[in-house]
Amino acid sequence: MAAVTSKELVMVLDCADREALADFWSQALGYRITRTTPPYTALTDPEGCGPELLLQQVPEPKQGKNRMHLDLRVPAMEPALSRVVALGARVLRGPFDDAGCPTTVLADPEGNEFCLIVFESA
């Protein structure tokens, strides 16, 4: 069987209110809202480097912990932590040391988990 090859990575996040999450995630990531075709809203990196984030409005509520989440690598925990909290995120755990990387686990306004991580490449 041939391998599936992908030229573009798109992250899809289910949500109840895609307009509210589009506002949160576009500001948190520095992305632009590039298209809206219900039930989808697409956010893209203005520099064309990062993957697209596609918000998909769904009728069912979020249940339990995300099986996959976003990690945002930041140069320093502050002011990134204060900034996303001011946008509507809430801290779930941390900051703490995760294998040598300062990490904070947060939830977006709908409860989707994501992490802020200070990661220094080798």
PDB file of N, CA and C in Angstrom:
ATOM      1  N   MET A   1       0.840  -1.173   0.000  1.00  0.00           N
ATOM      2  CA  MET A   1       0.000   0.000   0.000  1.00  0.00           C
ATOM      3  C   MET A   1       0.888   1.240   0.000  1.00  0.00           C
ATOM      4  N   ALA A   2       0.586   2.191  -0.834  1.00  0.00           N
ATOM      5  CA  ALA A   2       1.374   3.418  -0.926  1.00  0.00           C
ATOM      6  C   ALA A   2       1.094   4.319   0.272  1.00  0.00           C
ATOM      7  N   ALA A   3       2.134   5.015   0.714  1.00  0.00           N
ATOM      8  CA  ALA A   3       1.992   5.951   1.832  1.00  0.00           C
ATOM      9  C   ALA A   3       1.236   7.192   1.380  1.00  0.00           C
ATOM     10  N   VAL A   4       0.441   7.714   2.273  1.00  0.00           N
ATOM     11  CA  VAL A   4      -0.243   8.976   2.000  1.00  0.00           C
ATOM     12  C   VAL A   4       0.768  10.087   2.227  1.00  0.00           C
ATOM     13  N   THR A   5       0.923  10.943   1.260  1.00  0.00           N
ATOM     14  CA  THR A   5       1.846  12.059   1.421  1.00  0.00           C
ATOM     15  C   THR A   5       1.050  13.341   1.521  1.00  0.00           C
ATOM     16  N   SER A   6       1.505  14.207   2.379  1.00  0.00           N
ATOM     17  CA  SER A   6       0.824  15.469   2.592  1.00  0.00           C
ATOM     18  C   SER A   6       1.794  16.608   2.347  1.00  0.00           C
ATOM     19  N   LYS A   7       1.346  17.603   1.675  1.00  0.00           N
ATOM     20  CA  LYS A   7       2.174  18.768   1.433  1.00  0.00           C
ATOM     21  C   LYS A   7       1.839  19.890   2.391  1.00  0.00           C
ATOM     22  N   GLU A   8       0.723  19.758   3.126  1.00  0.00           N
ATOM     23  CA  GLU A   8       0.292  20.826   4.006  1.00  0.00           C
ATOM     24  C   GLU A   8      -0.384  20.231   5.237  1.00  0.00           C
ATOM     25  N   LEU A   9       0.023  20.706   6.400  1.00  0.00           N
ATOM     26  CA  LEU A   9      -0.577  20.266   7.649  1.00  0.00           C
ATOM     27  C   LEU A   9      -1.647  21.264   8.059  1.00  0.00           C
ATOM     28  N   VAL A  10      -2.849  20.777   8.313  1.00  0.00           N
ATOM     29  CA  VAL A  10      -3.949  21.599   8.794  1.00  0.00           C
ATOM     30  C   VAL A  10      -4.410  20.997  10.112  1.00  0.00           C
ATOM     31  N   MET A  11      -4.444  21.807  11.147  1.00  0.00           N
ATOM     32  CA  MET A  11      -4.934  21.383  12.449  1.00  0.00           C
ATOM     33  C   MET A  11      -6.408  21.771  12.522  1.00  0.00           C
ATOM     34  N   VAL A  12      -7.279  20.834  12.940  1.00  0.00           N
ATOM     35  CA  VAL A  12      -8.708  21.108  13.039  1.00  0.00           C
ATOM     36  C   VAL A  12      -9.105  21.040  14.510  1.00  0.00           C
ATOM     37  N   LEU A  13      -9.793  22.075  14.967  1.00  0.00           N
ATOM     38  CA  LEU A  13     -10.244  22.151  16.345  1.00  0.00           C
ATOM     39  C   LEU A  13     -11.764  22.280  16.355  1.00  0.00           C
ATOM     40  N   ASP A  14     -12.441  21.269  16.934  1.00  0.00           N
ATOM     41  CA  ASP A  14     -13.892  21.338  17.077  1.00  0.00           C
ATOM     42  C   ASP A  14     -14.236  22.391  18.123  1.00  0.00           C
ATOM     43  N   CYS A  15     -15.357  23.078  17.922  1.00  0.00           N
ATOM     44  CA  CYS A  15     -15.744  24.119  18.864  1.00  0.00           C
ATOM     45  C   CYS A  15     -17.246  24.367  18.798  1.00  0.00           C
ATOM     46  N   ALA A  16     -17.753  25.033  19.823  1.00  0.00           N
ATOM     47  CA  ALA A  16     -19.167  25.399  19.878  1.00  0.00           C
ATOM     48  C   ALA A  16     -19.398  26.778  19.278  1.00  0.00           C
ATOM     49  N   ASP A  17     -18.436  27.686  19.434  1.00  0.00           N
ATOM     50  CA  ASP A  17     -18.567  29.061  18.951  1.00  0.00           C
ATOM     51  C   ASP A  17     -17.300  29.433  18.187  1.00  0.00           C
ATOM     52  N   ARG A  18     -17.301  29.161  16.890  1.00  0.00           N
ATOM     53  CA  ARG A  18     -16.076  29.359  16.100  1.00  0.00           C
ATOM     54  C   ARG A  18     -15.681  30.817  15.991  1.00  0.00           C
ATOM     55  N   GLU A  19     -16.645  31.744  16.017  1.00  0.00           N
ATOM     56  CA  GLU A  19     -16.292  33.161  15.942  1.00  0.00           C
ATOM     57  C   GLU A  19     -15.502  33.587  17.175  1.00  0.00           C
ATOM     58  N   ALA A  20     -15.963  33.170  18.365  1.00  0.00           N
ATOM     59  CA  ALA A  20     -15.253  33.520  19.600  1.00  0.00           C
ATOM     60  C   ALA A  20     -13.871  32.873  19.638  1.00  0.00           C
ATOM     61  N   LEU A  21     -13.787  31.606  19.233  1.00  0.00           N
ATOM     62  CA  LEU A  21     -12.479  30.954  19.240  1.00  0.00           C
ATOM     63  C   LEU A  21     -11.570  31.511  18.148  1.00  0.00           C
ATOM     64  N   ALA A  22     -12.138  31.934  17.028  1.00  0.00           N
ATOM     65  CA  ALA A  22     -11.314  32.553  15.980  1.00  0.00           C
ATOM     66  C   ALA A  22     -10.662  33.816  16.517  1.00  0.00           C
ATOM     67  N   ASP A  23     -11.406  34.584  17.279  1.00  0.00           N
ATOM     68  CA  ASP A  23     -10.850  35.793  17.887  1.00  0.00           C
ATOM     69  C   ASP A  23      -9.722  35.430  18.847  1.00  0.00           C
ATOM     70  N   PHE A  24      -9.963  34.457  19.735  1.00  0.00           N
ATOM     71  CA  PHE A  24      -8.945  34.043  20.705  1.00  0.00           C
ATOM     72  C   PHE A  24      -7.691  33.511  20.009  1.00  0.00           C
ATOM     73  N   TRP A  25      -7.858  32.498  19.145  1.00  0.00           N
ATOM     74  CA  TRP A  25      -6.694  31.841  18.539  1.00  0.00           C
ATOM     75  C   TRP A  25      -5.954  32.745  17.549  1.00  0.00           C
ATOM     76  N   SER A  26      -6.653  33.605  16.826  1.00  0.00           N
ATOM     77  CA  SER A  26      -5.938  34.495  15.900  1.00  0.00           C
ATOM     78  C   SER A  26      -5.029  35.433  16.683  1.00  0.00           C
ATOM     79  N   GLN A  27      -5.500  35.933  17.825  1.00  0.00           N
ATOM     80  CA  GLN A  27      -4.662  36.806  18.643  1.00  0.00           C
ATOM     81  C   GLN A  27      -3.559  36.018  19.354  1.00  0.00           C
ATOM     82  N   ALA A  28      -3.883  34.847  19.869  1.00  0.00           N
ATOM     83  CA  ALA A  28      -2.885  34.045  20.585  1.00  0.00           C
ATOM     84  C   ALA A  28      -1.742  33.620  19.670  1.00  0.00           C
ATOM     85  N   LEU A  29      -2.065  33.277  18.427  1.00  0.00           N
ATOM     86  CA  LEU A  29      -1.053  32.788  17.486  1.00  0.00           C
ATOM     87  C   LEU A  29      -0.469  33.877  16.593  1.00  0.00           C
ATOM     88  N   GLY A  30      -1.106  35.038  16.541  1.00  0.00           N
ATOM     89  CA  GLY A  30      -0.683  36.062  15.587  1.00  0.00           C
ATOM     90  C   GLY A  30      -1.089  35.690  14.171  1.00  0.00           C
ATOM     91  N   TYR A  31      -2.150  34.900  14.042  1.00  0.00           N
ATOM     92  CA  TYR A  31      -2.663  34.450  12.748  1.00  0.00           C
ATOM     93  C   TYR A  31      -3.746  35.401  12.252  1.00  0.00           C
ATOM     94  N   ARG A  32      -4.103  35.219  10.985  1.00  0.00           N
ATOM     95  CA  ARG A  32      -5.189  35.990  10.382  1.00  0.00           C
ATOM     96  C   ARG A  32      -6.373  35.068  10.102  1.00  0.00           C
ATOM     97  N   ILE A  33      -7.570  35.610  10.260  1.00  0.00           N
ATOM     98  CA  ILE A  33      -8.776  34.891   9.839  1.00  0.00           C
ATOM     99  C   ILE A  33      -8.839  35.067   8.331  1.00  0.00           C
ATOM    100  N   THR A  34      -8.690  33.972   7.594  1.00  0.00           N
ATOM    101  CA  THR A  34      -8.575  34.087   6.141  1.00  0.00           C
ATOM    102  C   THR A  34      -9.819  33.685   5.376  1.00  0.00           C
ATOM    103  N   ARG A  35     -10.645  32.832   5.963  1.00  0.00           N
ATOM    104  CA  ARG A  35     -11.901  32.493   5.291  1.00  0.00           C
ATOM    105  C   ARG A  35     -12.872  31.880   6.287  1.00  0.00           C
ATOM    106  N   THR A  36     -14.140  32.110   6.012  1.00  0.00           N
ATOM    107  CA  THR A  36     -15.204  31.550   6.825  1.00  0.00           C
ATOM    108  C   THR A  36     -16.251  30.972   5.896  1.00  0.00           C
ATOM    109  N   THR A  37     -16.450  29.682   5.993  1.00  0.00           N
ATOM    110  CA  THR A  37     -17.488  28.977   5.261  1.00  0.00           C
ATOM    111  C   THR A  37     -18.131  28.032   6.264  1.00  0.00           C
ATOM    112  N   PRO A  38     -19.255  28.456   6.868  1.00  0.00           N
ATOM    113  CA  PRO A  38     -19.859  27.639   7.922  1.00  0.00           C
ATOM    114  C   PRO A  38     -19.954  26.169   7.518  1.00  0.00           C
ATOM    115  N   PRO A  39     -19.536  25.302   8.408  1.00  0.00           N
ATOM    116  CA  PRO A  39     -19.218  25.473   9.822  1.00  0.00           C
ATOM    117  C   PRO A  39     -17.735  25.725  10.109  1.00  0.00           C
ATOM    118  N   TYR A  40     -16.972  26.213   9.126  1.00  0.00           N
ATOM    119  CA  TYR A  40     -15.529  26.365   9.295  1.00  0.00           C
ATOM    120  C   TYR A  40     -15.083  27.829   9.289  1.00  0.00           C
ATOM    121  N   THR A  41     -14.019  28.094  10.053  1.00  0.00           N
ATOM    122  CA  THR A  41     -13.284  29.347   9.970  1.00  0.00           C
ATOM    123  C   THR A  41     -11.810  28.981   9.939  1.00  0.00           C
ATOM    124  N   ALA A  42     -11.091  29.483   8.949  1.00  0.00           N
ATOM    125  CA  ALA A  42      -9.672  29.174   8.786  1.00  0.00           C
ATOM    126  C   ALA A  42      -8.808  30.318   9.293  1.00  0.00           C
ATOM    127  N   LEU A  43      -7.766  29.953  10.029  1.00  0.00           N
ATOM    128  CA  LEU A  43      -6.767  30.897  10.514  1.00  0.00           C
ATOM    129  C   LEU A  43      -5.430  30.495   9.914  1.00  0.00           C
ATOM    130  N   THR A  44      -4.703  31.480   9.375  1.00  0.00           N
ATOM    131  CA  THR A  44      -3.416  31.169   8.757  1.00  0.00           C
ATOM    132  C   THR A  44      -2.328  32.100   9.253  1.00  0.00           C
ATOM    133  N   ASP A  45      -1.124  31.572   9.220  1.00  0.00           N
ATOM    134  CA  ASP A  45       0.074  32.309   9.595  1.00  0.00           C
ATOM    135  C   ASP A  45       0.349  33.354   8.515  1.00  0.00           C
ATOM    136  N   PRO A  46       0.404  34.638   8.872  1.00  0.00           N
ATOM    137  CA  PRO A  46       0.638  35.664   7.852  1.00  0.00           C
ATOM    138  C   PRO A  46       1.993  35.525   7.163  1.00  0.00           C
ATOM    139  N   GLU A  47       2.940  34.831   7.807  1.00  0.00           N
ATOM    140  CA  GLU A  47       4.253  34.616   7.183  1.00  0.00           C
ATOM    141  C   GLU A  47       4.285  33.345   6.346  1.00  0.00           C
ATOM    142  N   GLY A  48       3.197  32.567   6.383  1.00  0.00           N
ATOM    143  CA  GLY A  48       3.121  31.356   5.576  1.00  0.00           C
ATOM    144  C   GLY A  48       3.962  30.206   6.081  1.00  0.00           C
ATOM    145  N   CYS A  49       4.424  30.274   7.333  1.00  0.00           N
ATOM    146  CA  CYS A  49       5.300  29.227   7.869  1.00  0.00           C
ATOM    147  C   CYS A  49       4.553  28.175   8.688  1.00  0.00           C
ATOM    148  N   GLY A  50       3.594  28.589   9.483  1.00  0.00           N
ATOM    149  CA  GLY A  50       2.897  27.671  10.381  1.00  0.00           C
ATOM    150  C   GLY A  50       1.734  26.981   9.706  1.00  0.00           C
ATOM    151  N   PRO A  51       1.240  25.906  10.326  1.00  0.00           N
ATOM    152  CA  PRO A  51       0.091  25.200   9.752  1.00  0.00           C
ATOM    153  C   PRO A  51      -1.185  26.021   9.898  1.00  0.00           C
ATOM    154  N   GLU A  52      -2.131  25.746   9.042  1.00  0.00           N
ATOM    155  CA  GLU A  52      -3.444  26.377   9.141  1.00  0.00           C
ATOM    156  C   GLU A  52      -4.176  25.787  10.348  1.00  0.00           C
ATOM    157  N   LEU A  53      -4.936  26.618  11.051  1.00  0.00           N
ATOM    158  CA  LEU A  53      -5.813  26.154  12.120  1.00  0.00           C
ATOM    159  C   LEU A  53      -7.238  26.338  11.621  1.00  0.00           C
ATOM    160  N   LEU A  54      -7.954  25.232  11.502  1.00  0.00           N
ATOM    161  CA  LEU A  54      -9.319  25.253  11.008  1.00  0.00           C
ATOM    162  C   LEU A  54     -10.257  24.995  12.182  1.00  0.00           C
ATOM    163  N   LEU A  55     -11.109  25.962  12.474  1.00  0.00           N
ATOM    164  CA  LEU A  55     -12.090  25.823  13.546  1.00  0.00           C
ATOM    165  C   LEU A  55     -13.373  25.278  12.942  1.00  0.00           C
ATOM    166  N   GLN A  56     -13.844  24.159  13.489  1.00  0.00           N
ATOM    167  CA  GLN A  56     -15.042  23.501  12.983  1.00  0.00           C
ATOM    168  C   GLN A  56     -16.120  23.540  14.059  1.00  0.00           C
ATOM    169  N   GLN A  57     -17.208  24.255  13.775  1.00  0.00           N
ATOM    170  CA  GLN A  57     -18.301  24.327  14.745  1.00  0.00           C
ATOM    171  C   GLN A  57     -19.066  23.014  14.708  1.00  0.00           C
ATOM    172  N   VAL A  58     -19.230  22.407  15.899  1.00  0.00           N
ATOM    173  CA  VAL A  58     -19.934  21.133  16.031  1.00  0.00           C
ATOM    174  C   VAL A  58     -21.025  21.265  17.093  1.00  0.00           C
ATOM    175  N   PRO A  59     -22.064  20.445  17.013  1.00  0.00           N
ATOM    176  CA  PRO A  59     -23.165  20.573  17.971  1.00  0.00           C
ATOM    177  C   PRO A  59     -22.879  19.960  19.337  1.00  0.00           C
ATOM    178  N   GLU A  60     -22.025  18.947  19.397  1.00  0.00           N
ATOM    179  CA  GLU A  60     -21.794  18.269  20.668  1.00  0.00           C
ATOM    180  C   GLU A  60     -20.757  19.021  21.510  1.00  0.00           C
ATOM    181  N   PRO A  61     -20.925  19.003  22.844  1.00  0.00           N
ATOM    182  CA  PRO A  61     -19.965  19.680  23.722  1.00  0.00           C
ATOM    183  C   PRO A  61     -18.672  18.882  23.865  1.00  0.00           C
ATOM    184  N   LYS A  62     -17.608  19.570  24.225  1.00  0.00           N
ATOM    185  CA  LYS A  62     -16.332  18.917  24.514  1.00  0.00           C
ATOM    186  C   LYS A  62     -16.506  18.034  25.742  1.00  0.00           C
ATOM    187  N   GLN A  63     -15.938  16.841  25.687  1.00  0.00           N
ATOM    188  CA  GLN A  63     -15.994  15.929  26.824  1.00  0.00           C
ATOM    189  C   GLN A  63     -14.606  15.382  27.088  1.00  0.00           C
ATOM    190  N   GLY A  64     -14.129  15.515  28.313  1.00  0.00           N
ATOM    191  CA  GLY A  64     -12.846  14.944  28.694  1.00  0.00           C
ATOM    192  C   GLY A  64     -11.648  15.699  28.152  1.00  0.00           C
ATOM    193  N   LYS A  65     -10.489  15.103  28.360  1.00  0.00           N
ATOM    194  CA  LYS A  65      -9.213  15.688  27.955  1.00  0.00           C
ATOM    195  C   LYS A  65      -8.999  15.510  26.458  1.00  0.00           C
ATOM    196  N   ASN A  66      -8.388  16.529  25.845  1.00  0.00           N
ATOM    197  CA  ASN A  66      -8.026  16.419  24.431  1.00  0.00           C
ATOM    198  C   ASN A  66      -7.040  15.271  24.247  1.00  0.00           C
ATOM    199  N   ARG A  67      -7.193  14.492  23.189  1.00  0.00           N
ATOM    200  CA  ARG A  67      -6.209  13.461  22.860  1.00  0.00           C
ATOM    201  C   ARG A  67      -5.014  14.092  22.154  1.00  0.00           C
ATOM    202  N   MET A  68      -5.212  15.205  21.495  1.00  0.00           N
ATOM    203  CA  MET A  68      -4.126  15.941  20.858  1.00  0.00           C
ATOM    204  C   MET A  68      -4.324  17.402  21.236  1.00  0.00           C
ATOM    205  N   HIS A  69      -3.216  18.108  21.450  1.00  0.00           N
ATOM    206  CA  HIS A  69      -3.321  19.514  21.818  1.00  0.00           C
ATOM    207  C   HIS A  69      -2.207  20.300  21.144  1.00  0.00           C
ATOM    208  N   LEU A  70      -2.336  21.614  21.192  1.00  0.00           N
ATOM    209  CA  LEU A  70      -1.318  22.493  20.623  1.00  0.00           C
ATOM    210  C   LEU A  70      -0.298  22.855  21.689  1.00  0.00           C
ATOM    211  N   ASP A  71       0.967  22.870  21.333  1.00  0.00           N
ATOM    212  CA  ASP A  71       2.037  23.411  22.167  1.00  0.00           C
ATOM    213  C   ASP A  71       2.511  24.686  21.496  1.00  0.00           C
ATOM    214  N   LEU A  72       2.534  25.765  22.250  1.00  0.00           N
ATOM    215  CA  LEU A  72       3.054  27.032  21.733  1.00  0.00           C
ATOM    216  C   LEU A  72       4.416  27.260  22.365  1.00  0.00           C
ATOM    217  N   ARG A  73       5.451  27.203  21.550  1.00  0.00           N
ATOM    218  CA  ARG A  73       6.803  27.466  22.046  1.00  0.00           C
ATOM    219  C   ARG A  73       7.006  28.968  22.112  1.00  0.00           C
ATOM    220  N   VAL A  74       7.398  29.430  23.287  1.00  0.00           N
ATOM    221  CA  VAL A  74       7.566  30.861  23.524  1.00  0.00           C
ATOM    222  C   VAL A  74       8.971  31.120  24.045  1.00  0.00           C
ATOM    223  N   PRO A  75       9.518  32.318  23.820  1.00  0.00           N
ATOM    224  CA  PRO A  75      10.871  32.608  24.284  1.00  0.00           C
ATOM    225  C   PRO A  75      10.967  32.740  25.804  1.00  0.00           C
ATOM    226  N   ALA A  76       9.873  33.138  26.461  1.00  0.00           N
ATOM    227  CA  ALA A  76       9.844  33.282  27.919  1.00  0.00           C
ATOM    228  C   ALA A  76       8.403  33.078  28.371  1.00  0.00           C
ATOM    229  N   MET A  77       8.236  32.464  29.550  1.00  0.00           N
ATOM    230  CA  MET A  77       6.886  32.191  30.026  1.00  0.00           C
ATOM    231  C   MET A  77       6.093  33.486  30.210  1.00  0.00           C
ATOM    232  N   GLU A  78       6.745  34.477  30.800  1.00  0.00           N
ATOM    233  CA  GLU A  78       6.124  35.803  30.880  1.00  0.00           C
ATOM    234  C   GLU A  78       6.785  36.644  29.784  1.00  0.00           C
ATOM    235  N   PRO A  79       6.101  37.400  28.995  1.00  0.00           N
ATOM    236  CA  PRO A  79       4.715  37.817  29.124  1.00  0.00           C
ATOM    237  C   PRO A  79       3.710  36.924  28.391  1.00  0.00           C
ATOM    238  N   ALA A  80       4.152  35.821  27.772  1.00  0.00           N
ATOM    239  CA  ALA A  80       3.228  34.984  26.994  1.00  0.00           C
ATOM    240  C   ALA A  80       2.063  34.474  27.845  1.00  0.00           C
ATOM    241  N   LEU A  81       2.348  34.053  29.066  1.00  0.00           N
ATOM    242  CA  LEU A  81       1.296  33.540  29.936  1.00  0.00           C
ATOM    243  C   LEU A  81       0.274  34.630  30.253  1.00  0.00           C
ATOM    244  N   SER A  82       0.734  35.798  30.644  1.00  0.00           N
ATOM    245  CA  SER A  82      -0.185  36.904  30.944  1.00  0.00           C
ATOM    246  C   SER A  82      -1.010  37.285  29.725  1.00  0.00           C
ATOM    247  N   ARG A  83      -0.387  37.231  28.555  1.00  0.00           N
ATOM    248  CA  ARG A  83      -1.067  37.625  27.318  1.00  0.00           C
ATOM    249  C   ARG A  83      -2.216  36.686  26.986  1.00  0.00           C
ATOM    250  N   VAL A  84      -1.986  35.345  27.019  1.00  0.00           N
ATOM    251  CA  VAL A  84      -3.070  34.424  26.655  1.00  0.00           C
ATOM    252  C   VAL A  84      -4.156  34.380  27.728  1.00  0.00           C
ATOM    253  N   VAL A  85      -3.779  34.593  28.994  1.00  0.00           N
ATOM    254  CA  VAL A  85      -4.785  34.671  30.057  1.00  0.00           C
ATOM    255  C   VAL A  85      -5.661  35.906  29.842  1.00  0.00           C
ATOM    256  N   ALA A  86      -5.065  37.022  29.459  1.00  0.00           N
ATOM    257  CA  ALA A  86      -5.835  38.241  29.182  1.00  0.00           C
ATOM    258  C   ALA A  86      -6.771  38.043  27.988  1.00  0.00           C
ATOM    259  N   LEU A  87      -6.405  37.152  27.063  1.00  0.00           N
ATOM    260  CA  LEU A  87      -7.254  36.861  25.907  1.00  0.00           C
ATOM    261  C   LEU A  87      -8.422  35.938  26.260  1.00  0.00           C
ATOM    262  N   GLY A  88      -8.359  35.283  27.428  1.00  0.00           N
ATOM    263  CA  GLY A  88      -9.458  34.405  27.840  1.00  0.00           C
ATOM    264  C   GLY A  88      -9.064  32.993  28.206  1.00  0.00           C
ATOM    265  N   ALA A  89      -7.775  32.664  28.125  1.00  0.00           N
ATOM    266  CA  ALA A  89      -7.322  31.323  28.533  1.00  0.00           C
ATOM    267  C   ALA A  89      -7.320  31.241  30.058  1.00  0.00           C
ATOM    268  N   ARG A  90      -7.381  30.016  30.566  1.00  0.00           N
ATOM    269  CA  ARG A  90      -7.222  29.839  32.014  1.00  0.00           C
ATOM    270  C   ARG A  90      -6.169  28.777  32.270  1.00  0.00           C
ATOM    271  N   VAL A  91      -5.409  29.004  33.324  1.00  0.00           N
ATOM    272  CA  VAL A  91      -4.326  28.087  33.688  1.00  0.00           C
ATOM    273  C   VAL A  91      -4.926  26.839  34.334  1.00  0.00           C
ATOM    274  N   LEU A  92      -4.523  25.673  33.829  1.00  0.00           N
ATOM    275  CA  LEU A  92      -4.944  24.406  34.412  1.00  0.00           C
ATOM    276  C   LEU A  92      -3.871  23.824  35.327  1.00  0.00           C
ATOM    277  N   ARG A  93      -2.591  24.040  34.943  1.00  0.00           N
ATOM    278  CA  ARG A  93      -1.490  23.510  35.740  1.00  0.00           C
ATOM    279  C   ARG A  93      -0.212  24.250  35.386  1.00  0.00           C
ATOM    280  N   GLY A  94       0.551  24.578  36.403  1.00  0.00           N
ATOM    281  CA  GLY A  94       1.850  25.173  36.174  1.00  0.00           C
ATOM    282  C   GLY A  94       1.886  26.653  36.489  1.00  0.00           C
ATOM    283  N   PRO A  95       3.011  27.231  36.150  1.00  0.00           N
ATOM    284  CA  PRO A  95       4.150  26.690  35.424  1.00  0.00           C
ATOM    285  C   PRO A  95       4.900  25.619  36.239  1.00  0.00           C
ATOM    286  N   PHE A  96       5.484  24.666  35.491  1.00  0.00           N
ATOM    287  CA  PHE A  96       6.261  23.587  36.096  1.00  0.00           C
ATOM    288  C   PHE A  96       7.370  23.194  35.133  1.00  0.00           C
ATOM    289  N   ASP A  97       8.321  22.440  35.633  1.00  0.00           N
ATOM    290  CA  ASP A  97       9.433  21.969  34.809  1.00  0.00           C
ATOM    291  C   ASP A  97       9.040  20.636  34.178  1.00  0.00           C
ATOM    292  N   ASP A  98       9.066  20.562  32.873  1.00  0.00           N
ATOM    293  CA  ASP A  98       8.770  19.336  32.141  1.00  0.00           C
ATOM    294  C   ASP A  98      10.001  18.946  31.336  1.00  0.00           C
ATOM    295  N   ALA A  99      10.814  18.072  31.909  1.00  0.00           N
ATOM    296  CA  ALA A  99      12.040  17.602  31.261  1.00  0.00           C
ATOM    297  C   ALA A  99      12.958  18.758  30.882  1.00  0.00           C
ATOM    298  N   GLY A 100      13.068  19.738  31.771  1.00  0.00           N
ATOM    299  CA  GLY A 100      13.963  20.860  31.550  1.00  0.00           C
ATOM    300  C   GLY A 100      13.339  22.040  30.827  1.00  0.00           C
ATOM    301  N   CYS A 101      12.067  21.927  30.467  1.00  0.00           N
ATOM    302  CA  CYS A 101      11.381  23.011  29.768  1.00  0.00           C
ATOM    303  C   CYS A 101      10.277  23.578  30.649  1.00  0.00           C
ATOM    304  N   PRO A 102      10.342  24.868  30.990  1.00  0.00           N
ATOM    305  CA  PRO A 102       9.228  25.481  31.720  1.00  0.00           C
ATOM    306  C   PRO A 102       7.942  25.348  30.895  1.00  0.00           C
ATOM    307  N   THR A 103       6.891  24.843  31.527  1.00  0.00           N
ATOM    308  CA  THR A 103       5.641  24.525  30.836  1.00  0.00           C
ATOM    309  C   THR A 103       4.442  24.965  31.668  1.00  0.00           C
ATOM    310  N   THR A 104       3.419  25.452  31.005  1.00  0.00           N
ATOM    311  CA  THR A 104       2.139  25.742  31.633  1.00  0.00           C
ATOM    312  C   THR A 104       1.046  25.131  30.769  1.00  0.00           C
ATOM    313  N   VAL A 105       0.133  24.393  31.393  1.00  0.00           N
ATOM    314  CA  VAL A 105      -1.017  23.814  30.699  1.00  0.00           C
ATOM    315  C   VAL A 105      -2.188  24.764  30.904  1.00  0.00           C
ATOM    316  N   LEU A 106      -2.828  25.130  29.798  1.00  0.00           N
ATOM    317  CA  LEU A 106      -3.953  26.074  29.831  1.00  0.00           C
ATOM    318  C   LEU A 106      -5.147  25.492  29.089  1.00  0.00           C
ATOM    319  N   ALA A 107      -6.268  26.193  29.185  1.00  0.00           N
ATOM    320  CA  ALA A 107      -7.455  25.875  28.397  1.00  0.00           C
ATOM    321  C   ALA A 107      -7.899  27.143  27.682  1.00  0.00           C
ATOM    322  N   ASP A 108      -8.305  26.999  26.421  1.00  0.00           N
ATOM    323  CA  ASP A 108      -8.848  28.147  25.694  1.00  0.00           C
ATOM    324  C   ASP A 108     -10.253  28.444  26.236  1.00  0.00           C
ATOM    325  N   PRO A 109     -10.949  29.455  25.724  1.00  0.00           N
ATOM    326  CA  PRO A 109     -12.250  29.802  26.276  1.00  0.00           C
ATOM    327  C   PRO A 109     -13.302  28.684  26.241  1.00  0.00           C
ATOM    328  N   GLU A 110     -13.105  27.658  25.412  1.00  0.00           N
ATOM    329  CA  GLU A 110     -14.042  26.527  25.378  1.00  0.00           C
ATOM    330  C   GLU A 110     -13.513  25.308  26.116  1.00  0.00           C
ATOM    331  N   GLY A 111     -12.359  25.431  26.760  1.00  0.00           N
ATOM    332  CA  GLY A 111     -11.824  24.321  27.536  1.00  0.00           C
ATOM    333  C   GLY A 111     -10.855  23.415  26.799  1.00  0.00           C
ATOM    334  N   ASN A 112     -10.480  23.748  25.556  1.00  0.00           N
ATOM    335  CA  ASN A 112      -9.500  22.954  24.810  1.00  0.00           C
ATOM    336  C   ASN A 112      -8.118  23.200  25.390  1.00  0.00           C
ATOM    337  N   GLU A 113      -7.426  22.127  25.769  1.00  0.00           N
ATOM    338  CA  GLU A 113      -6.118  22.259  26.388  1.00  0.00           C
ATOM    339  C   GLU A 113      -5.044  22.637  25.373  1.00  0.00           C
ATOM    340  N   PHE A 114      -4.098  23.444  25.843  1.00  0.00           N
ATOM    341  CA  PHE A 114      -2.888  23.747  25.083  1.00  0.00           C
ATOM    342  C   PHE A 114      -1.797  24.088  26.084  1.00  0.00           C
ATOM    343  N   CYS A 115      -0.556  24.073  25.632  1.00  0.00           N
ATOM    344  CA  CYS A 115       0.568  24.346  26.522  1.00  0.00           C
ATOM    345  C   CYS A 115       1.391  25.505  25.992  1.00  0.00           C
ATOM    346  N   LEU A 116       1.929  26.269  26.947  1.00  0.00           N
ATOM    347  CA  LEU A 116       2.993  27.217  26.647  1.00  0.00           C
ATOM    348  C   LEU A 116       4.269  26.555  27.131  1.00  0.00           C
ATOM    349  N   ILE A 117       5.279  26.514  26.267  1.00  0.00           N
ATOM    350  CA  ILE A 117       6.535  25.847  26.608  1.00  0.00           C
ATOM    351  C   ILE A 117       7.708  26.743  26.212  1.00  0.00           C
ATOM    352  N   VAL A 118       8.625  26.930  27.166  1.00  0.00           N
ATOM    353  CA  VAL A 118       9.880  27.620  26.872  1.00  0.00           C
ATOM    354  C   VAL A 118      10.843  26.514  26.458  1.00  0.00           C
ATOM    355  N   PHE A 119      11.167  26.482  25.189  1.00  0.00           N
ATOM    356  CA  PHE A 119      11.970  25.400  24.623  1.00  0.00           C
ATOM    357  C   PHE A 119      13.188  25.991  23.946  1.00  0.00           C
ATOM    358  N   GLU A 120      14.338  25.640  24.458  1.00  0.00           N
ATOM    359  CA  GLU A 120      15.581  26.096  23.841  1.00  0.00           C
ATOM    360  C   GLU A 120      16.161  24.949  23.038  1.00  0.00           C
ATOM    361  N   SER A 121      16.262  25.139  21.725  1.00  0.00           N
ATOM    362  CA  SER A 121      16.788  24.069  20.873  1.00  0.00           C
ATOM    363  C   SER A 121      18.263  23.872  21.132  1.00  0.00           C
ATOM    364  N   ALA A 122      18.697  22.664  20.920  1.00  0.00           N
ATOM    365  CA  ALA A 122      20.096  22.315  21.184  1.00  0.00           C
ATOM    366  C   ALA A 122      21.013  22.858  20.126  1.00  0.00           C
TER     367      ALA A 122
END
